Amino acid sequence: YPVFFTLAAALGVPAIILVLVVAARERRRAP
C-alpha cells in the first residue's frame, strides 16, 4: 500500500508542472 499511494502521489507531479506553465502564459498575456 505505501508504494501504491506514493506512486499515486507522483502521478500528480505533471499536473503541478502544467499549472505552472499555464500560469506563466497567463502572466505573459495579461498586459
Full PDB file with SEQRES, HELIX, SHEET, SSBOND, CRYST1, ORIGX, SCALE, CONECT and MASTER records, all heavy atoms in Angstrom:
SEQRES   1 A   31  TYR PRO VAL PHE PHE THR LEU ALA ALA ALA LEU GLY VAL          
SEQRES   2 A   31  PRO ALA ILE ILE LEU VAL LEU VAL VAL ALA ALA ARG GLU          
SEQRES   3 A   31  ARG ARG ARG ALA PRO                                          
HELIX    1 AA1 PRO A    2  ALA A   10  1                                   9    
HELIX    2 AA2 VAL A   13  ARG A   29  1                                  17    
CRYST1    1.000    1.000    1.000  90.00  90.00  90.00 P 1           1          
ORIGX1      1.000000  0.000000  0.000000        0.00000                         
ORIGX2      0.000000  1.000000  0.000000        0.00000                         
ORIGX3      0.000000  0.000000  1.000000        0.00000                         
SCALE1      1.000000  0.000000  0.000000        0.00000                         
SCALE2      0.000000  1.000000  0.000000        0.00000                         
SCALE3      0.000000  0.000000  1.000000        0.00000                         
ATOM      1  N   TYR A   1       0.811  -1.212   0.000  1.00  0.00           N  
ATOM      2  CA  TYR A   1       0.000   0.000   0.000  1.00  0.00           C  
ATOM      3  C   TYR A   1       0.850   1.271   0.000  1.00  0.00           C  
ATOM      4  O   TYR A   1       0.567   2.214  -0.766  1.00  0.00           O  
ATOM      5  CB  TYR A   1      -0.940   0.015   1.213  1.00  0.00           C  
ATOM      6  CG  TYR A   1      -2.188  -0.821   1.037  1.00  0.00           C  
ATOM      7  CD1 TYR A   1      -2.396  -1.948   1.822  1.00  0.00           C  
ATOM      8  CD2 TYR A   1      -3.161  -0.468   0.103  1.00  0.00           C  
ATOM      9  CE1 TYR A   1      -3.540  -2.718   1.678  1.00  0.00           C  
ATOM     10  CE2 TYR A   1      -4.317  -1.225  -0.046  1.00  0.00           C  
ATOM     11  CZ  TYR A   1      -4.502  -2.349   0.744  1.00  0.00           C  
ATOM     12  OH  TYR A   1      -5.634  -3.117   0.593  1.00  0.00           O  
ATOM     13  N   PRO A   2       1.909   1.354   0.838  1.00  0.00           N  
ATOM     14  CA  PRO A   2       2.716   2.585   0.802  1.00  0.00           C  
ATOM     15  C   PRO A   2       3.311   2.867  -0.575  1.00  0.00           C  
ATOM     16  O   PRO A   2       3.340   4.034  -1.016  1.00  0.00           O  
ATOM     17  CB  PRO A   2       3.821   2.308   1.839  1.00  0.00           C  
ATOM     18  CG  PRO A   2       3.195   1.364   2.801  1.00  0.00           C  
ATOM     19  CD  PRO A   2       2.323   0.475   1.955  1.00  0.00           C  
ATOM     20  N   VAL A   3       3.759   1.838  -1.259  1.00  0.00           N  
ATOM     21  CA  VAL A   3       4.319   2.037  -2.603  1.00  0.00           C  
ATOM     22  C   VAL A   3       3.234   2.532  -3.553  1.00  0.00           C  
ATOM     23  O   VAL A   3       3.442   3.475  -4.337  1.00  0.00           O  
ATOM     24  CB  VAL A   3       4.950   0.730  -3.134  1.00  0.00           C  
ATOM     25  CG1 VAL A   3       5.305   0.876  -4.625  1.00  0.00           C  
ATOM     26  CG2 VAL A   3       6.189   0.377  -2.340  1.00  0.00           C  
ATOM     27  N   PHE A   4       2.050   1.929  -3.478  1.00  0.00           N  
ATOM     28  CA  PHE A   4       0.959   2.327  -4.372  1.00  0.00           C  
ATOM     29  C   PHE A   4       0.588   3.790  -4.173  1.00  0.00           C  
ATOM     30  O   PHE A   4       0.479   4.558  -5.144  1.00  0.00           O  
ATOM     31  CB  PHE A   4      -0.271   1.448  -4.139  1.00  0.00           C  
ATOM     32  CG  PHE A   4      -1.514   1.959  -4.807  1.00  0.00           C  
ATOM     33  CD1 PHE A   4      -1.683   1.843  -6.179  1.00  0.00           C  
ATOM     34  CD2 PHE A   4      -2.503   2.608  -4.066  1.00  0.00           C  
ATOM     35  CE1 PHE A   4      -2.818   2.339  -6.814  1.00  0.00           C  
ATOM     36  CE2 PHE A   4      -3.644   3.099  -4.689  1.00  0.00           C  
ATOM     37  CZ  PHE A   4      -3.798   2.968  -6.065  1.00  0.00           C  
ATOM     38  N   PHE A   5       0.384   4.207  -2.926  1.00  0.00           N  
ATOM     39  CA  PHE A   5      -0.058   5.586  -2.690  1.00  0.00           C  
ATOM     40  C   PHE A   5       1.059   6.598  -2.974  1.00  0.00           C  
ATOM     41  O   PHE A   5       0.771   7.740  -3.345  1.00  0.00           O  
ATOM     42  CB  PHE A   5      -0.592   5.734  -1.264  1.00  0.00           C  
ATOM     43  CG  PHE A   5      -1.941   5.091  -1.071  1.00  0.00           C  
ATOM     44  CD1 PHE A   5      -2.082   3.929  -0.325  1.00  0.00           C  
ATOM     45  CD2 PHE A   5      -3.070   5.631  -1.668  1.00  0.00           C  
ATOM     46  CE1 PHE A   5      -3.325   3.329  -0.168  1.00  0.00           C  
ATOM     47  CE2 PHE A   5      -4.320   5.035  -1.520  1.00  0.00           C  
ATOM     48  CZ  PHE A   5      -4.436   3.876  -0.763  1.00  0.00           C  
ATOM     49  N   THR A   6       2.302   6.180  -2.815  1.00  0.00           N  
ATOM     50  CA  THR A   6       3.406   7.057  -3.201  1.00  0.00           C  
ATOM     51  C   THR A   6       3.429   7.245  -4.718  1.00  0.00           C  
ATOM     52  O   THR A   6       3.639   8.363  -5.218  1.00  0.00           O  
ATOM     53  CB  THR A   6       4.746   6.479  -2.724  1.00  0.00           C  
ATOM     54  OG1 THR A   6       4.716   6.320  -1.294  1.00  0.00           O  
ATOM     55  CG2 THR A   6       5.900   7.400  -3.093  1.00  0.00           C  
ATOM     56  N   LEU A   7       3.222   6.159  -5.456  1.00  0.00           N  
ATOM     57  CA  LEU A   7       3.144   6.267  -6.914  1.00  0.00           C  
ATOM     58  C   LEU A   7       1.956   7.124  -7.338  1.00  0.00           C  
ATOM     59  O   LEU A   7       2.048   7.908  -8.284  1.00  0.00           O  
ATOM     60  CB  LEU A   7       3.039   4.874  -7.537  1.00  0.00           C  
ATOM     61  CG  LEU A   7       4.294   4.000  -7.462  1.00  0.00           C  
ATOM     62  CD1 LEU A   7       3.998   2.598  -7.992  1.00  0.00           C  
ATOM     63  CD2 LEU A   7       5.434   4.624  -8.264  1.00  0.00           C  
ATOM     64  N   ALA A   8       0.821   6.974  -6.635  1.00  0.00           N  
ATOM     65  CA  ALA A   8      -0.357   7.787  -6.946  1.00  0.00           C  
ATOM     66  C   ALA A   8      -0.055   9.268  -6.721  1.00  0.00           C  
ATOM     67  O   ALA A   8      -0.487  10.133  -7.492  1.00  0.00           O  
ATOM     68  CB  ALA A   8      -1.541   7.351  -6.085  1.00  0.00           C  
ATOM     69  N   ALA A   9       0.694   9.570  -5.656  1.00  0.00           N  
ATOM     70  CA  ALA A   9       1.086  10.966  -5.417  1.00  0.00           C  
ATOM     71  C   ALA A   9       1.977  11.476  -6.537  1.00  0.00           C  
ATOM     72  O   ALA A   9       1.838  12.616  -6.998  1.00  0.00           O  
ATOM     73  CB  ALA A   9       1.811  11.081  -4.073  1.00  0.00           C  
ATOM     74  N   ALA A  10       2.887  10.615  -7.011  1.00  0.00           N  
ATOM     75  CA  ALA A  10       3.791  11.011  -8.097  1.00  0.00           C  
ATOM     76  C   ALA A  10       3.035  11.315  -9.385  1.00  0.00           C  
ATOM     77  O   ALA A  10       3.472  12.154 -10.190  1.00  0.00           O  
ATOM     78  CB  ALA A  10       4.820   9.911  -8.349  1.00  0.00           C  
ATOM     79  N   LEU A  11       1.884  10.680  -9.567  1.00  0.00           N  
ATOM     80  CA  LEU A  11       1.074  10.965 -10.757  1.00  0.00           C  
ATOM     81  C   LEU A  11       0.591  12.404 -10.795  1.00  0.00           C  
ATOM     82  O   LEU A  11       0.239  12.925 -11.857  1.00  0.00           O  
ATOM     83  CB  LEU A  11      -0.141  10.022 -10.806  1.00  0.00           C  
ATOM     84  CG  LEU A  11       0.118   8.553 -11.126  1.00  0.00           C  
ATOM     85  CD1 LEU A  11      -1.166   7.743 -10.982  1.00  0.00           C  
ATOM     86  CD2 LEU A  11       0.673   8.394 -12.533  1.00  0.00           C  
ATOM     87  N   GLY A  12       0.580  13.059  -9.636  1.00  0.00           N  
ATOM     88  CA  GLY A  12       0.129  14.450  -9.586  1.00  0.00           C  
ATOM     89  C   GLY A  12       1.196  15.460  -9.954  1.00  0.00           C  
ATOM     90  O   GLY A  12       0.876  16.640 -10.164  1.00  0.00           O  
ATOM     91  N   VAL A  13       2.439  15.039 -10.046  1.00  0.00           N  
ATOM     92  CA  VAL A  13       3.529  15.982 -10.348  1.00  0.00           C  
ATOM     93  C   VAL A  13       3.368  16.636 -11.724  1.00  0.00           C  
ATOM     94  O   VAL A  13       3.551  17.857 -11.859  1.00  0.00           O  
ATOM     95  CB  VAL A  13       4.894  15.285 -10.214  1.00  0.00           C  
ATOM     96  CG1 VAL A  13       6.026  16.197 -10.682  1.00  0.00           C  
ATOM     97  CG2 VAL A  13       5.126  14.858  -8.762  1.00  0.00           C  
ATOM     98  N   PRO A  14       3.048  15.869 -12.802  1.00  0.00           N  
ATOM     99  CA  PRO A  14       2.864  16.529 -14.099  1.00  0.00           C  
ATOM    100  C   PRO A  14       1.817  17.631 -14.066  1.00  0.00           C  
ATOM    101  O   PRO A  14       1.991  18.672 -14.715  1.00  0.00           O  
ATOM    102  CB  PRO A  14       2.445  15.374 -15.022  1.00  0.00           C  
ATOM    103  CG  PRO A  14       3.024  14.158 -14.401  1.00  0.00           C  
ATOM    104  CD  PRO A  14       2.946  14.402 -12.922  1.00  0.00           C  
ATOM    105  N   ALA A  15       0.746  17.445 -13.312  1.00  0.00           N  
ATOM    106  CA  ALA A  15      -0.290  18.477 -13.228  1.00  0.00           C  
ATOM    107  C   ALA A  15       0.257  19.740 -12.591  1.00  0.00           C  
ATOM    108  O   ALA A  15      -0.056  20.859 -13.023  1.00  0.00           O  
ATOM    109  CB  ALA A  15      -1.494  17.957 -12.446  1.00  0.00           C  
ATOM    110  N   ILE A  16       1.086  19.603 -11.547  1.00  0.00           N  
ATOM    111  CA  ILE A  16       1.682  20.769 -10.896  1.00  0.00           C  
ATOM    112  C   ILE A  16       2.545  21.542 -11.890  1.00  0.00           C  
ATOM    113  O   ILE A  16       2.471  22.776 -11.984  1.00  0.00           O  
ATOM    114  CB  ILE A  16       2.514  20.323  -9.677  1.00  0.00           C  
ATOM    115  CG1 ILE A  16       1.600  19.675  -8.627  1.00  0.00           C  
ATOM    116  CG2 ILE A  16       3.266  21.511  -9.080  1.00  0.00           C  
ATOM    117  CD1 ILE A  16       2.354  19.010  -7.486  1.00  0.00           C  
ATOM    118  N   ILE A  17       3.350  20.814 -12.658  1.00  0.00           N  
ATOM    119  CA  ILE A  17       4.219  21.452 -13.652  1.00  0.00           C  
ATOM    120  C   ILE A  17       3.382  22.152 -14.719  1.00  0.00           C  
ATOM    121  O   ILE A  17       3.666  23.292 -15.117  1.00  0.00           O  
ATOM    122  CB  ILE A  17       5.155  20.410 -14.287  1.00  0.00           C  
ATOM    123  CG1 ILE A  17       6.104  19.837 -13.231  1.00  0.00           C  
ATOM    124  CG2 ILE A  17       5.949  21.020 -15.447  1.00  0.00           C  
ATOM    125  CD1 ILE A  17       6.914  18.649 -13.701  1.00  0.00           C  
ATOM    126  N   LEU A  18       2.315  21.488 -15.171  1.00  0.00           N  
ATOM    127  CA  LEU A  18       1.477  22.064 -16.217  1.00  0.00           C  
ATOM    128  C   LEU A  18       0.731  23.308 -15.726  1.00  0.00           C  
ATOM    129  O   LEU A  18       0.539  24.265 -16.486  1.00  0.00           O  
ATOM    130  CB  LEU A  18       0.489  21.016 -16.732  1.00  0.00           C  
ATOM    131  CG  LEU A  18       1.109  19.896 -17.575  1.00  0.00           C  
ATOM    132  CD1 LEU A  18       0.118  18.754 -17.764  1.00  0.00           C  
ATOM    133  CD2 LEU A  18       1.558  20.433 -18.930  1.00  0.00           C  
ATOM    134  N   VAL A  19       0.322  23.317 -14.461  1.00  0.00           N  
ATOM    135  CA  VAL A  19      -0.314  24.521 -13.914  1.00  0.00           C  
ATOM    136  C   VAL A  19       0.671  25.687 -13.946  1.00  0.00           C  
ATOM    137  O   VAL A  19       0.310  26.822 -14.301  1.00  0.00           O  
ATOM    138  CB  VAL A  19      -0.815  24.285 -12.472  1.00  0.00           C  
ATOM    139  CG1 VAL A  19      -1.264  25.603 -11.843  1.00  0.00           C  
ATOM    140  CG2 VAL A  19      -1.969  23.303 -12.453  1.00  0.00           C  
ATOM    141  N   LEU A  20       1.922  25.429 -13.599  1.00  0.00           N  
ATOM    142  CA  LEU A  20       2.934  26.480 -13.634  1.00  0.00           C  
ATOM    143  C   LEU A  20       3.134  27.001 -15.055  1.00  0.00           C  
ATOM    144  O   LEU A  20       3.299  28.210 -15.267  1.00  0.00           O  
ATOM    145  CB  LEU A  20       4.253  25.953 -13.069  1.00  0.00           C  
ATOM    146  CG  LEU A  20       4.264  25.648 -11.563  1.00  0.00           C  
ATOM    147  CD1 LEU A  20       5.552  24.927 -11.167  1.00  0.00           C  
ATOM    148  CD2 LEU A  20       4.100  26.929 -10.754  1.00  0.00           C  
ATOM    149  N   VAL A  21       3.107  26.097 -16.038  1.00  0.00           N  
ATOM    150  CA  VAL A  21       3.266  26.506 -17.436  1.00  0.00           C  
ATOM    151  C   VAL A  21       2.086  27.374 -17.877  1.00  0.00           C  
ATOM    152  O   VAL A  21       2.262  28.430 -18.502  1.00  0.00           O  
ATOM    153  CB  VAL A  21       3.400  25.269 -18.347  1.00  0.00           C  
ATOM    154  CG1 VAL A  21       3.383  25.679 -19.819  1.00  0.00           C  
ATOM    155  CG2 VAL A  21       4.683  24.512 -18.031  1.00  0.00           C  
ATOM    156  N   VAL A  22       0.866  26.938 -17.549  1.00  0.00           N  
ATOM    157  CA  VAL A  22      -0.328  27.696 -17.922  1.00  0.00           C  
ATOM    158  C   VAL A  22      -0.342  29.051 -17.215  1.00  0.00           C  
ATOM    159  O   VAL A  22      -0.681  30.080 -17.814  1.00  0.00           O  
ATOM    160  CB  VAL A  22      -1.607  26.889 -17.597  1.00  0.00           C  
ATOM    161  CG1 VAL A  22      -2.854  27.747 -17.793  1.00  0.00           C  
ATOM    162  CG2 VAL A  22      -1.688  25.634 -18.461  1.00  0.00           C  
ATOM    163  N   ALA A  23       0.047  29.059 -15.923  1.00  0.00           N  
ATOM    164  CA  ALA A  23       0.072  30.316 -15.177  1.00  0.00           C  
ATOM    165  C   ALA A  23       1.086  31.290 -15.771  1.00  0.00           C  
ATOM    166  O   ALA A  23       0.827  32.499 -15.846  1.00  0.00           O  
ATOM    167  CB  ALA A  23       0.398  30.045 -13.709  1.00  0.00           C  
ATOM    168  N   ALA A  24       2.239  30.776 -16.195  1.00  0.00           N  
ATOM    169  CA  ALA A  24       3.254  31.642 -16.818  1.00  0.00           C  
ATOM    170  C   ALA A  24       2.718  32.257 -18.098  1.00  0.00           C  
ATOM    171  O   ALA A  24       2.950  33.442 -18.382  1.00  0.00           O  
ATOM    172  CB  ALA A  24       4.522  30.833 -17.096  1.00  0.00           C  
ATOM    173  N   ARG A  25       1.981  31.478 -18.888  1.00  0.00           N  
ATOM    174  CA  ARG A  25       1.391  32.019 -20.120  1.00  0.00           C  
ATOM    175  C   ARG A  25       0.368  33.104 -19.789  1.00  0.00           C  
ATOM    176  O   ARG A  25       0.299  34.137 -20.469  1.00  0.00           O  
ATOM    177  CB  ARG A  25       0.741  30.899 -20.911  1.00  0.00           C  
ATOM    178  CG  ARG A  25       0.065  31.375 -22.218  1.00  0.00           C  
ATOM    179  CD  ARG A  25      -0.557  30.197 -22.946  1.00  0.00           C  
ATOM    180  NE  ARG A  25      -1.110  30.588 -24.226  1.00  0.00           N  
ATOM    181  CZ  ARG A  25      -2.384  30.903 -24.438  1.00  0.00           C  
ATOM    182  NH1 ARG A  25      -3.236  30.899 -23.429  1.00  0.00           N  
ATOM    183  NH2 ARG A  25      -2.814  31.235 -25.642  1.00  0.00           N  
ATOM    184  N   GLU A  26      -0.443  32.855 -18.745  1.00  0.00           N  
ATOM    185  CA  GLU A  26      -1.444  33.852 -18.357  1.00  0.00           C  
ATOM    186  C   GLU A  26      -0.779  35.168 -17.943  1.00  0.00           C  
ATOM    187  O   GLU A  26      -1.262  36.245 -18.281  1.00  0.00           O  
ATOM    188  CB  GLU A  26      -2.290  33.309 -17.200  1.00  0.00           C  
ATOM    189  CG  GLU A  26      -3.232  32.186 -17.591  1.00  0.00           C  
ATOM    190  CD  GLU A  26      -4.294  32.651 -18.559  1.00  0.00           C  
ATOM    191  OE1 GLU A  26      -4.926  33.689 -18.294  1.00  0.00           O  
ATOM    192  OE2 GLU A  26      -4.485  31.986 -19.583  1.00  0.00           O  
ATOM    193  N   ARG A  27       0.341  35.082 -17.221  1.00  0.00           N  
ATOM    194  CA  ARG A  27       1.032  36.307 -16.796  1.00  0.00           C  
ATOM    195  C   ARG A  27       1.604  37.065 -17.991  1.00  0.00           C  
ATOM    196  O   ARG A  27       1.577  38.291 -18.028  1.00  0.00           O  
ATOM    197  CB  ARG A  27       2.154  35.955 -15.814  1.00  0.00           C  
ATOM    198  CG  ARG A  27       1.669  35.585 -14.423  1.00  0.00           C  
ATOM    199  CD  ARG A  27       2.811  35.604 -13.426  1.00  0.00           C  
ATOM    200  NE  ARG A  27       3.835  34.628 -13.766  1.00  0.00           N  
ATOM    201  CZ  ARG A  27       3.830  33.365 -13.361  1.00  0.00           C  
ATOM    202  NH1 ARG A  27       2.836  32.925 -12.600  1.00  0.00           N  
ATOM    203  NH2 ARG A  27       4.786  32.535 -13.704  1.00  0.00           N  
ATOM    204  N   ARG A  28       2.117  36.322 -18.980  1.00  0.00           N  
ATOM    205  CA  ARG A  28       2.676  36.979 -20.163  1.00  0.00           C  
ATOM    206  C   ARG A  28       1.601  37.664 -20.980  1.00  0.00           C  
ATOM    207  O   ARG A  28       1.818  38.726 -21.565  1.00  0.00           O  
ATOM    208  CB  ARG A  28       3.409  35.960 -21.051  1.00  0.00           C  
ATOM    209  CG  ARG A  28       4.728  35.479 -20.483  1.00  0.00           C  
ATOM    210  CD  ARG A  28       5.534  34.764 -21.557  1.00  0.00           C  
ATOM    211  NE  ARG A  28       4.819  33.643 -22.150  1.00  0.00           N  
ATOM    212  CZ  ARG A  28       4.855  32.404 -21.703  1.00  0.00           C  
ATOM    213  NH1 ARG A  28       5.579  32.113 -20.612  1.00  0.00           N  
ATOM    214  NH2 ARG A  28       4.178  31.444 -22.306  1.00  0.00           N  
ATOM    215  N   ARG A  29       0.400  37.070 -21.024  1.00  0.00           N  
ATOM    216  CA  ARG A  29      -0.665  37.594 -21.860  1.00  0.00           C  
ATOM    217  C   ARG A  29      -1.437  38.711 -21.181  1.00  0.00           C  
ATOM    218  O   ARG A  29      -2.068  39.529 -21.840  1.00  0.00           O  
ATOM    219  CB  ARG A  29      -1.654  36.487 -22.245  1.00  0.00           C  
ATOM    220  CG  ARG A  29      -1.052  35.409 -23.104  1.00  0.00           C  
ATOM    221  CD  ARG A  29      -2.038  34.281 -23.351  1.00  0.00           C  
ATOM    222  NE  ARG A  29      -3.137  34.685 -24.199  1.00  0.00           N  
ATOM    223  CZ  ARG A  29      -4.388  34.871 -23.792  1.00  0.00           C  
ATOM    224  NH1 ARG A  29      -4.709  34.685 -22.539  1.00  0.00           N  
ATOM    225  NH2 ARG A  29      -5.336  35.224 -24.641  1.00  0.00           N  
ATOM    226  N   ALA A  30      -1.406  38.749 -19.844  1.00  0.00           N  
ATOM    227  CA  ALA A  30      -2.259  39.673 -19.098  1.00  0.00           C  
ATOM    228  C   ALA A  30      -2.113  41.135 -19.509  1.00  0.00           C  
ATOM    229  O   ALA A  30      -3.115  41.832 -19.698  1.00  0.00           O  
ATOM    230  CB  ALA A  30      -2.008  39.516 -17.598  1.00  0.00           C  
ATOM    231  N   PRO A  31      -0.872  41.683 -19.662  1.00  0.00           N  
ATOM    232  CA  PRO A  31      -0.773  43.106 -20.003  1.00  0.00           C  
ATOM    233  C   PRO A  31      -1.382  43.467 -21.344  1.00  0.00           C  
ATOM    234  O   PRO A  31      -1.857  44.580 -21.542  1.00  0.00           O  
ATOM    235  CB  PRO A  31       0.755  43.341 -20.017  1.00  0.00           C  
ATOM    236  CG  PRO A  31       1.318  42.246 -19.182  1.00  0.00           C  
ATOM    237  CD  PRO A  31       0.436  41.072 -19.450  1.00  0.00           C  
TER     238      PRO A  31                                                      
MASTER        0    0    0    2    0    0    0    6  237    1    0    3          
END                                                                             
